[in-house]
Amino acid sequence: MVARVVLLDTGPLGMVTNPNRSPEGVACAQWLQSMLDRNVRVVLPEIADYEIRRELLRANKIRGIVQLDTFGTLLEYLPITTAAMRQAAVFWAQARQQGQPTSGDKTIDGDVILAAQAVTLDAPGTAVIATTNVGHLARFAPAELWHNIIA
């Protein structure tokens, strides 16, 4: 059996790093802990860290930044690579050629960067993005609602 690799999108990452967890955040944290307890390879993509961190910094939410930093040491951190950025550019162009962009033309598109990080990760056929919004991501890489992913 091939081990699954789970990449966290900003939805689940934001829930588990929020010091004031909602009931859904508590459930997500329990799900994440169950993944780790089962030795699932859980990855924190740099683009997801960036998207959460920039908002925490803007809002001066120090406790949230501390939580995010803690998760960065507990999980495998996946830096953005040249290969991922080049693949993201391909995804971005394809989406626009098909008339289905995932963001505005002048914005950096975190979804395509995350999808590119997933497909360029050295885990062929095993990587899945845990998200709260499958729509944009599943066009480019395997993605599931976080609570539907089982170890």
N, C-alpha and C. Protein backbone atom coordinates (compact mmCIF):
# COMPACT_ATOMS: atom_id res chain seq x y z
N MET A 1 0.84 -1.19 0.00
CA MET A 1 0.00 0.00 0.00
C MET A 1 0.89 1.25 0.00
N VAL A 2 0.59 2.18 -0.88
CA VAL A 2 1.35 3.41 -0.99
C VAL A 2 0.83 4.42 0.03
N ALA A 3 1.75 5.03 0.76
CA ALA A 3 1.37 6.00 1.78
C ALA A 3 0.85 7.28 1.13
N ARG A 4 -0.15 7.85 1.71
CA ARG A 4 -0.75 9.08 1.21
C ARG A 4 0.02 10.29 1.73
N VAL A 5 0.07 11.32 0.91
CA VAL A 5 0.68 12.59 1.29
C VAL A 5 -0.43 13.64 1.25
N VAL A 6 -0.60 14.36 2.35
CA VAL A 6 -1.66 15.37 2.45
C VAL A 6 -1.02 16.75 2.53
N LEU A 7 -1.36 17.61 1.59
CA LEU A 7 -0.92 18.99 1.60
C LEU A 7 -2.06 19.85 2.13
N LEU A 8 -1.77 20.73 3.07
CA LEU A 8 -2.80 21.57 3.67
C LEU A 8 -3.02 22.84 2.86
N ASP A 9 -4.26 23.10 2.51
CA ASP A 9 -4.65 24.36 1.89
C ASP A 9 -4.91 25.36 3.03
N THR A 10 -5.18 26.60 2.66
CA THR A 10 -5.36 27.65 3.66
C THR A 10 -6.59 27.46 4.55
N GLY A 11 -7.64 26.82 4.04
CA GLY A 11 -8.84 26.62 4.88
C GLY A 11 -8.52 25.80 6.12
N PRO A 12 -8.06 24.54 5.93
CA PRO A 12 -7.71 23.74 7.11
C PRO A 12 -6.56 24.34 7.92
N LEU A 13 -5.57 24.90 7.24
CA LEU A 13 -4.44 25.49 7.96
C LEU A 13 -4.91 26.65 8.84
N GLY A 14 -5.77 27.48 8.31
CA GLY A 14 -6.30 28.60 9.10
C GLY A 14 -7.10 28.12 10.29
N MET A 15 -7.88 27.06 10.10
CA MET A 15 -8.68 26.54 11.22
C MET A 15 -7.81 25.99 12.34
N VAL A 16 -6.78 25.23 11.99
CA VAL A 16 -5.99 24.58 13.04
C VAL A 16 -4.99 25.53 13.70
N THR A 17 -4.67 26.64 13.05
CA THR A 17 -3.74 27.59 13.66
C THR A 17 -4.44 28.74 14.36
N ASN A 18 -5.75 28.82 14.26
CA ASN A 18 -6.50 29.88 14.91
C ASN A 18 -6.59 29.59 16.41
N PRO A 19 -6.05 30.49 17.24
CA PRO A 19 -6.10 30.27 18.69
C PRO A 19 -7.53 30.20 19.24
N ASN A 20 -8.48 30.81 18.55
CA ASN A 20 -9.89 30.80 18.97
C ASN A 20 -10.67 29.88 18.05
N ARG A 21 -10.46 28.59 18.20
CA ARG A 21 -11.04 27.61 17.28
C ARG A 21 -12.55 27.51 17.41
N SER A 22 -13.18 27.48 16.25
CA SER A 22 -14.61 27.21 16.15
C SER A 22 -14.80 25.70 16.32
N PRO A 23 -16.04 25.24 16.44
CA PRO A 23 -16.26 23.79 16.49
C PRO A 23 -15.68 23.08 15.25
N GLU A 24 -15.79 23.71 14.08
CA GLU A 24 -15.20 23.10 12.88
C GLU A 24 -13.68 23.09 12.99
N GLY A 25 -13.11 24.13 13.57
CA GLY A 25 -11.67 24.19 13.78
C GLY A 25 -11.18 23.09 14.71
N VAL A 26 -11.95 22.83 15.77
CA VAL A 26 -11.61 21.75 16.69
C VAL A 26 -11.66 20.42 15.96
N ALA A 27 -12.70 20.21 15.16
CA ALA A 27 -12.82 18.96 14.39
C ALA A 27 -11.66 18.82 13.40
N CYS A 28 -11.28 19.91 12.78
CA CYS A 28 -10.17 19.88 11.83
C CYS A 28 -8.85 19.55 12.55
N ALA A 29 -8.65 20.14 13.72
CA ALA A 29 -7.44 19.84 14.49
C ALA A 29 -7.41 18.37 14.91
N GLN A 30 -8.55 17.82 15.27
CA GLN A 30 -8.62 16.39 15.62
C GLN A 30 -8.33 15.52 14.40
N TRP A 31 -8.86 15.92 13.25
CA TRP A 31 -8.58 15.19 12.01
C TRP A 31 -7.08 15.22 11.70
N LEU A 32 -6.48 16.40 11.81
CA LEU A 32 -5.05 16.53 11.54
C LEU A 32 -4.24 15.66 12.50
N GLN A 33 -4.60 15.68 13.77
CA GLN A 33 -3.88 14.85 14.74
C GLN A 33 -4.03 13.37 14.41
N SER A 34 -5.21 12.97 13.93
CA SER A 34 -5.40 11.56 13.56
C SER A 34 -4.52 11.19 12.37
N MET A 35 -4.34 12.12 11.45
CA MET A 35 -3.44 11.88 10.31
C MET A 35 -2.01 11.67 10.82
N LEU A 36 -1.58 12.54 11.70
CA LEU A 36 -0.23 12.44 12.24
C LEU A 36 -0.05 11.18 13.07
N ASP A 37 -1.08 10.81 13.85
CA ASP A 37 -1.02 9.59 14.66
C ASP A 37 -0.87 8.34 13.80
N ARG A 38 -1.38 8.42 12.57
CA ARG A 38 -1.31 7.28 11.64
C ARG A 38 -0.10 7.39 10.71
N ASN A 39 0.81 8.29 11.05
CA ASN A 39 2.04 8.49 10.29
C ASN A 39 1.80 8.89 8.84
N VAL A 40 0.71 9.61 8.60
CA VAL A 40 0.46 10.17 7.27
C VAL A 40 1.44 11.34 7.10
N ARG A 41 2.00 11.43 5.93
CA ARG A 41 2.91 12.54 5.61
C ARG A 41 2.05 13.78 5.36
N VAL A 42 2.05 14.71 6.31
CA VAL A 42 1.28 15.94 6.20
C VAL A 42 2.25 17.08 5.91
N VAL A 43 1.93 17.82 4.86
CA VAL A 43 2.85 18.83 4.35
C VAL A 43 2.23 20.22 4.45
N LEU A 44 3.04 21.17 4.88
CA LEU A 44 2.64 22.57 4.94
C LEU A 44 3.29 23.28 3.75
N PRO A 45 2.53 23.53 2.68
CA PRO A 45 3.09 24.20 1.51
C PRO A 45 3.41 25.67 1.81
N GLU A 46 4.50 26.14 1.30
CA GLU A 46 4.92 27.52 1.54
C GLU A 46 3.87 28.53 1.10
N ILE A 47 3.17 28.26 0.00
CA ILE A 47 2.16 29.21 -0.47
C ILE A 47 1.00 29.31 0.52
N ALA A 48 0.63 28.22 1.17
CA ALA A 48 -0.44 28.27 2.17
C ALA A 48 0.03 29.05 3.40
N ASP A 49 1.27 28.82 3.82
CA ASP A 49 1.85 29.57 4.94
C ASP A 49 1.82 31.06 4.62
N TYR A 50 2.24 31.42 3.41
CA TYR A 50 2.27 32.81 2.98
C TYR A 50 0.88 33.45 3.05
N GLU A 51 -0.11 32.75 2.51
CA GLU A 51 -1.45 33.33 2.46
C GLU A 51 -2.04 33.54 3.85
N ILE A 52 -1.81 32.59 4.75
CA ILE A 52 -2.30 32.75 6.13
C ILE A 52 -1.48 33.81 6.86
N ARG A 53 -0.17 33.74 6.73
CA ARG A 53 0.73 34.65 7.45
C ARG A 53 0.50 36.11 7.08
N ARG A 54 0.31 36.40 5.80
CA ARG A 54 0.15 37.80 5.39
C ARG A 54 -1.07 38.43 6.05
N GLU A 55 -2.15 37.68 6.19
CA GLU A 55 -3.35 38.22 6.83
C GLU A 55 -3.15 38.37 8.34
N LEU A 56 -2.47 37.40 8.95
CA LEU A 56 -2.19 37.52 10.38
C LEU A 56 -1.31 38.74 10.67
N LEU A 57 -0.33 38.97 9.81
CA LEU A 57 0.54 40.14 9.98
C LEU A 57 -0.24 41.44 9.77
N ARG A 58 -1.08 41.47 8.74
CA ARG A 58 -1.87 42.67 8.47
C ARG A 58 -2.76 43.02 9.66
N ALA A 59 -3.36 41.99 10.26
CA ALA A 59 -4.29 42.20 11.38
C ALA A 59 -3.57 42.22 12.72
N ASN A 60 -2.25 42.09 12.70
CA ASN A 60 -1.44 42.09 13.92
C ASN A 60 -1.90 41.03 14.93
N LYS A 61 -2.18 39.82 14.42
CA LYS A 61 -2.65 38.71 15.25
C LYS A 61 -1.44 37.86 15.67
N ILE A 62 -0.78 38.30 16.71
CA ILE A 62 0.47 37.69 17.17
C ILE A 62 0.28 36.23 17.58
N ARG A 63 -0.80 35.94 18.31
CA ARG A 63 -1.03 34.54 18.74
C ARG A 63 -1.20 33.61 17.54
N GLY A 64 -1.85 34.09 16.51
CA GLY A 64 -2.02 33.30 15.30
C GLY A 64 -0.69 33.04 14.61
N ILE A 65 0.18 34.05 14.58
CA ILE A 65 1.51 33.89 13.98
C ILE A 65 2.31 32.86 14.76
N VAL A 66 2.23 32.91 16.08
CA VAL A 66 2.93 31.93 16.92
C VAL A 66 2.42 30.52 16.61
N GLN A 67 1.09 30.38 16.51
CA GLN A 67 0.50 29.07 16.17
C GLN A 67 1.00 28.59 14.81
N LEU A 68 1.01 29.47 13.83
CA LEU A 68 1.46 29.11 12.49
C LEU A 68 2.93 28.71 12.51
N ASP A 69 3.75 29.45 13.24
CA ASP A 69 5.17 29.11 13.37
C ASP A 69 5.34 27.73 14.01
N THR A 70 4.52 27.43 15.00
CA THR A 70 4.58 26.13 15.67
C THR A 70 4.26 25.02 14.68
N PHE A 71 3.22 25.20 13.89
CA PHE A 71 2.87 24.18 12.90
C PHE A 71 3.97 24.01 11.87
N GLY A 72 4.66 25.10 11.57
CA GLY A 72 5.77 25.03 10.62
C GLY A 72 6.91 24.14 11.10
N THR A 73 7.00 23.96 12.42
CA THR A 73 8.05 23.09 12.96
C THR A 73 7.55 21.66 13.16
N LEU A 74 6.23 21.48 13.30
CA LEU A 74 5.67 20.15 13.53
C LEU A 74 5.42 19.37 12.24
N LEU A 75 5.16 20.09 11.16
CA LEU A 75 4.82 19.47 9.89
C LEU A 75 6.00 19.60 8.93
N GLU A 76 5.96 18.80 7.89
CA GLU A 76 6.95 18.95 6.83
C GLU A 76 6.64 20.23 6.07
N TYR A 77 7.62 21.10 5.95
CA TYR A 77 7.45 22.37 5.25
C TYR A 77 7.91 22.21 3.81
N LEU A 78 7.07 22.62 2.87
CA LEU A 78 7.38 22.45 1.45
C LEU A 78 7.64 23.81 0.81
N PRO A 79 8.93 24.15 0.63
CA PRO A 79 9.25 25.43 -0.02
C PRO A 79 8.78 25.45 -1.47
N ILE A 80 8.54 26.63 -1.97
CA ILE A 80 8.20 26.80 -3.38
C ILE A 80 9.48 26.63 -4.20
N THR A 81 9.40 25.79 -5.21
CA THR A 81 10.56 25.53 -6.08
C THR A 81 10.35 26.17 -7.45
N THR A 82 11.43 26.24 -8.20
CA THR A 82 11.34 26.72 -9.57
C THR A 82 10.41 25.82 -10.38
N ALA A 83 10.54 24.51 -10.20
CA ALA A 83 9.67 23.58 -10.94
C ALA A 83 8.20 23.84 -10.63
N ALA A 84 7.88 24.11 -9.37
CA ALA A 84 6.49 24.38 -8.99
C ALA A 84 6.01 25.69 -9.61
N MET A 85 6.83 26.71 -9.59
CA MET A 85 6.41 27.99 -10.15
C MET A 85 6.24 27.90 -11.67
N ARG A 86 7.08 27.14 -12.33
CA ARG A 86 6.91 26.96 -13.77
C ARG A 86 5.64 26.18 -14.08
N GLN A 87 5.34 25.17 -13.27
CA GLN A 87 4.10 24.42 -13.46
C GLN A 87 2.90 25.30 -13.16
N ALA A 88 3.01 26.15 -12.15
CA ALA A 88 1.93 27.08 -11.81
C ALA A 88 1.64 28.02 -12.98
N ALA A 89 2.68 28.47 -13.66
CA ALA A 89 2.50 29.34 -14.82
C ALA A 89 1.74 28.60 -15.93
N VAL A 90 2.04 27.33 -16.12
CA VAL A 90 1.32 26.51 -17.10
C VAL A 90 -0.15 26.42 -16.71
N PHE A 91 -0.44 26.09 -15.45
CA PHE A 91 -1.82 25.99 -14.98
C PHE A 91 -2.55 27.32 -15.16
N TRP A 92 -1.89 28.42 -14.79
CA TRP A 92 -2.49 29.75 -14.88
C TRP A 92 -2.88 30.04 -16.33
N ALA A 93 -1.96 29.79 -17.25
CA ALA A 93 -2.22 30.05 -18.67
C ALA A 93 -3.33 29.15 -19.21
N GLN A 94 -3.30 27.89 -18.84
CA GLN A 94 -4.33 26.95 -19.31
C GLN A 94 -5.72 27.39 -18.84
N ALA A 95 -5.81 27.80 -17.59
CA ALA A 95 -7.11 28.22 -17.04
C ALA A 95 -7.65 29.41 -17.82
N ARG A 96 -6.81 30.35 -18.17
CA ARG A 96 -7.26 31.51 -18.92
C ARG A 96 -7.58 31.17 -20.36
N GLN A 97 -6.81 30.29 -20.96
CA GLN A 97 -7.09 29.85 -22.33
C GLN A 97 -8.44 29.14 -22.41
N GLN A 98 -8.82 28.48 -21.32
CA GLN A 98 -10.10 27.76 -21.26
C GLN A 98 -11.23 28.66 -20.77
N GLY A 99 -10.90 29.91 -20.47
CA GLY A 99 -11.92 30.85 -19.98
C GLY A 99 -12.36 30.56 -18.56
N GLN A 100 -11.52 29.91 -17.76
CA GLN A 100 -11.88 29.55 -16.39
C GLN A 100 -10.79 29.95 -15.39
N PRO A 101 -10.45 31.24 -15.31
CA PRO A 101 -9.40 31.65 -14.37
C PRO A 101 -9.84 31.42 -12.92
N THR A 102 -8.87 31.20 -12.06
CA THR A 102 -9.16 31.00 -10.64
C THR A 102 -8.93 32.27 -9.83
N SER A 103 -8.42 33.32 -10.49
CA SER A 103 -8.22 34.61 -9.84
C SER A 103 -8.12 35.68 -10.92
N GLY A 104 -7.99 36.93 -10.49
CA GLY A 104 -7.85 38.03 -11.44
C GLY A 104 -6.53 37.96 -12.21
N ASP A 105 -6.50 38.58 -13.36
CA ASP A 105 -5.31 38.52 -14.21
C ASP A 105 -4.08 39.18 -13.59
N LYS A 106 -4.26 40.11 -12.69
CA LYS A 106 -3.14 40.84 -12.10
C LYS A 106 -2.74 40.32 -10.71
N THR A 107 -3.36 39.24 -10.27
CA THR A 107 -3.06 38.74 -8.93
C THR A 107 -2.15 37.51 -9.01
N ILE A 108 -1.41 37.29 -7.93
CA ILE A 108 -0.66 36.04 -7.82
C ILE A 108 -1.70 35.00 -7.43
N ASP A 109 -1.75 33.92 -8.13
CA ASP A 109 -2.80 32.92 -7.96
C ASP A 109 -2.32 31.80 -7.04
N GLY A 110 -2.67 31.91 -5.76
CA GLY A 110 -2.24 30.91 -4.79
C GLY A 110 -2.74 29.52 -5.10
N ASP A 111 -3.94 29.40 -5.66
CA ASP A 111 -4.48 28.07 -5.97
C ASP A 111 -3.62 27.33 -6.98
N VAL A 112 -3.20 28.01 -8.05
CA VAL A 112 -2.39 27.29 -9.04
C VAL A 112 -1.00 27.00 -8.51
N ILE A 113 -0.49 27.86 -7.64
CA ILE A 113 0.82 27.59 -7.02
C ILE A 113 0.71 26.38 -6.10
N LEU A 114 -0.34 26.32 -5.30
CA LEU A 114 -0.54 25.16 -4.42
C LEU A 114 -0.70 23.88 -5.24
N ALA A 115 -1.52 23.92 -6.28
CA ALA A 115 -1.70 22.74 -7.13
C ALA A 115 -0.37 22.32 -7.75
N ALA A 116 0.40 23.29 -8.19
CA ALA A 116 1.71 22.98 -8.78
C ALA A 116 2.65 22.38 -7.74
N GLN A 117 2.59 22.88 -6.51
CA GLN A 117 3.41 22.28 -5.45
C GLN A 117 3.01 20.81 -5.26
N ALA A 118 1.72 20.53 -5.35
CA ALA A 118 1.26 19.15 -5.16
C ALA A 118 1.73 18.24 -6.29
N VAL A 119 1.62 18.70 -7.53
CA VAL A 119 1.97 17.81 -8.65
C VAL A 119 3.47 17.70 -8.87
N THR A 120 4.24 18.66 -8.39
CA THR A 120 5.70 18.55 -8.54
C THR A 120 6.35 17.91 -7.32
N LEU A 121 5.58 17.65 -6.29
CA LEU A 121 6.09 16.96 -5.10
C LEU A 121 6.49 15.55 -5.49
N ASP A 122 7.56 15.08 -4.93
CA ASP A 122 8.04 13.74 -5.26
C ASP A 122 7.19 12.69 -4.54
N ALA A 123 5.93 12.59 -4.98
CA ALA A 123 4.98 11.64 -4.39
C ALA A 123 3.93 11.29 -5.44
N PRO A 124 4.37 10.76 -6.60
CA PRO A 124 3.42 10.53 -7.69
C PRO A 124 2.24 9.63 -7.29
N GLY A 125 1.05 10.12 -7.60
CA GLY A 125 -0.15 9.33 -7.36
C GLY A 125 -0.61 9.24 -5.92
N THR A 126 0.10 9.89 -5.01
CA THR A 126 -0.28 9.76 -3.60
C THR A 126 -0.66 11.09 -2.95
N ALA A 127 -0.33 12.20 -3.58
CA ALA A 127 -0.56 13.51 -2.97
C ALA A 127 -2.00 13.97 -3.18
N VAL A 128 -2.57 14.53 -2.12
CA VAL A 128 -3.91 15.11 -2.18
C VAL A 128 -3.89 16.40 -1.37
N ILE A 129 -4.59 17.40 -1.87
CA ILE A 129 -4.69 18.67 -1.16
C ILE A 129 -5.93 18.63 -0.28
N ALA A 130 -5.73 18.87 1.02
CA ALA A 130 -6.84 18.95 1.97
C ALA A 130 -7.32 20.40 1.97
N THR A 131 -8.59 20.60 1.65
CA THR A 131 -9.11 21.95 1.45
C THR A 131 -10.53 22.09 1.97
N THR A 132 -11.02 23.31 1.94
CA THR A 132 -12.42 23.59 2.23
C THR A 132 -13.15 23.98 0.95
N ASN A 133 -12.41 24.06 -0.16
CA ASN A 133 -12.97 24.48 -1.44
C ASN A 133 -12.29 23.69 -2.55
N VAL A 134 -12.89 22.59 -2.94
CA VAL A 134 -12.30 21.68 -3.93
C VAL A 134 -12.30 22.28 -5.34
N GLY A 135 -13.28 23.09 -5.67
CA GLY A 135 -13.51 23.57 -7.03
C GLY A 135 -12.31 23.97 -7.84
N HIS A 136 -11.59 25.02 -7.42
CA HIS A 136 -10.46 25.51 -8.20
C HIS A 136 -9.31 24.53 -8.22
N LEU A 137 -9.01 23.93 -7.10
CA LEU A 137 -7.83 23.07 -6.98
C LEU A 137 -7.95 21.78 -7.76
N ALA A 138 -9.12 21.15 -7.72
CA ALA A 138 -9.30 19.83 -8.35
C ALA A 138 -9.16 19.89 -9.86
N ARG A 139 -9.22 21.07 -10.45
CA ARG A 139 -8.99 21.18 -11.89
C ARG A 139 -7.53 20.91 -12.25
N PHE A 140 -6.63 21.04 -11.28
CA PHE A 140 -5.21 20.92 -11.55
C PHE A 140 -4.51 19.78 -10.81
N ALA A 141 -5.03 19.40 -9.65
CA ALA A 141 -4.37 18.40 -8.81
C ALA A 141 -5.44 17.70 -7.96
N PRO A 142 -5.14 16.50 -7.48
CA PRO A 142 -6.10 15.83 -6.58
C PRO A 142 -6.36 16.69 -5.34
N ALA A 143 -7.64 16.92 -5.05
CA ALA A 143 -8.04 17.73 -3.90
C ALA A 143 -9.33 17.17 -3.34
N GLU A 144 -9.43 17.19 -2.02
CA GLU A 144 -10.62 16.69 -1.32
C GLU A 144 -10.93 17.60 -0.15
N LEU A 145 -12.20 17.63 0.25
CA LEU A 145 -12.54 18.29 1.51
C LEU A 145 -11.75 17.59 2.61
N TRP A 146 -11.17 18.36 3.49
CA TRP A 146 -10.28 17.79 4.50
C TRP A 146 -10.94 16.64 5.26
N HIS A 147 -12.21 16.79 5.62
CA HIS A 147 -12.86 15.76 6.45
C HIS A 147 -13.18 14.47 5.67
N ASN A 148 -13.03 14.52 4.34
CA ASN A 148 -13.24 13.30 3.53
C ASN A 148 -11.96 12.50 3.33
N ILE A 149 -10.85 13.04 3.76
CA ILE A 149 -9.56 12.35 3.61
C ILE A 149 -9.34 11.46 4.83
N ILE A 150 -9.16 10.18 4.57
CA ILE A 150 -8.90 9.24 5.66
C ILE A 150 -7.53 8.62 5.45
N ALA A 151 -6.92 8.26 6.56
CA ALA A 151 -5.56 7.69 6.50
C ALA A 151 -5.59 6.28 5.93
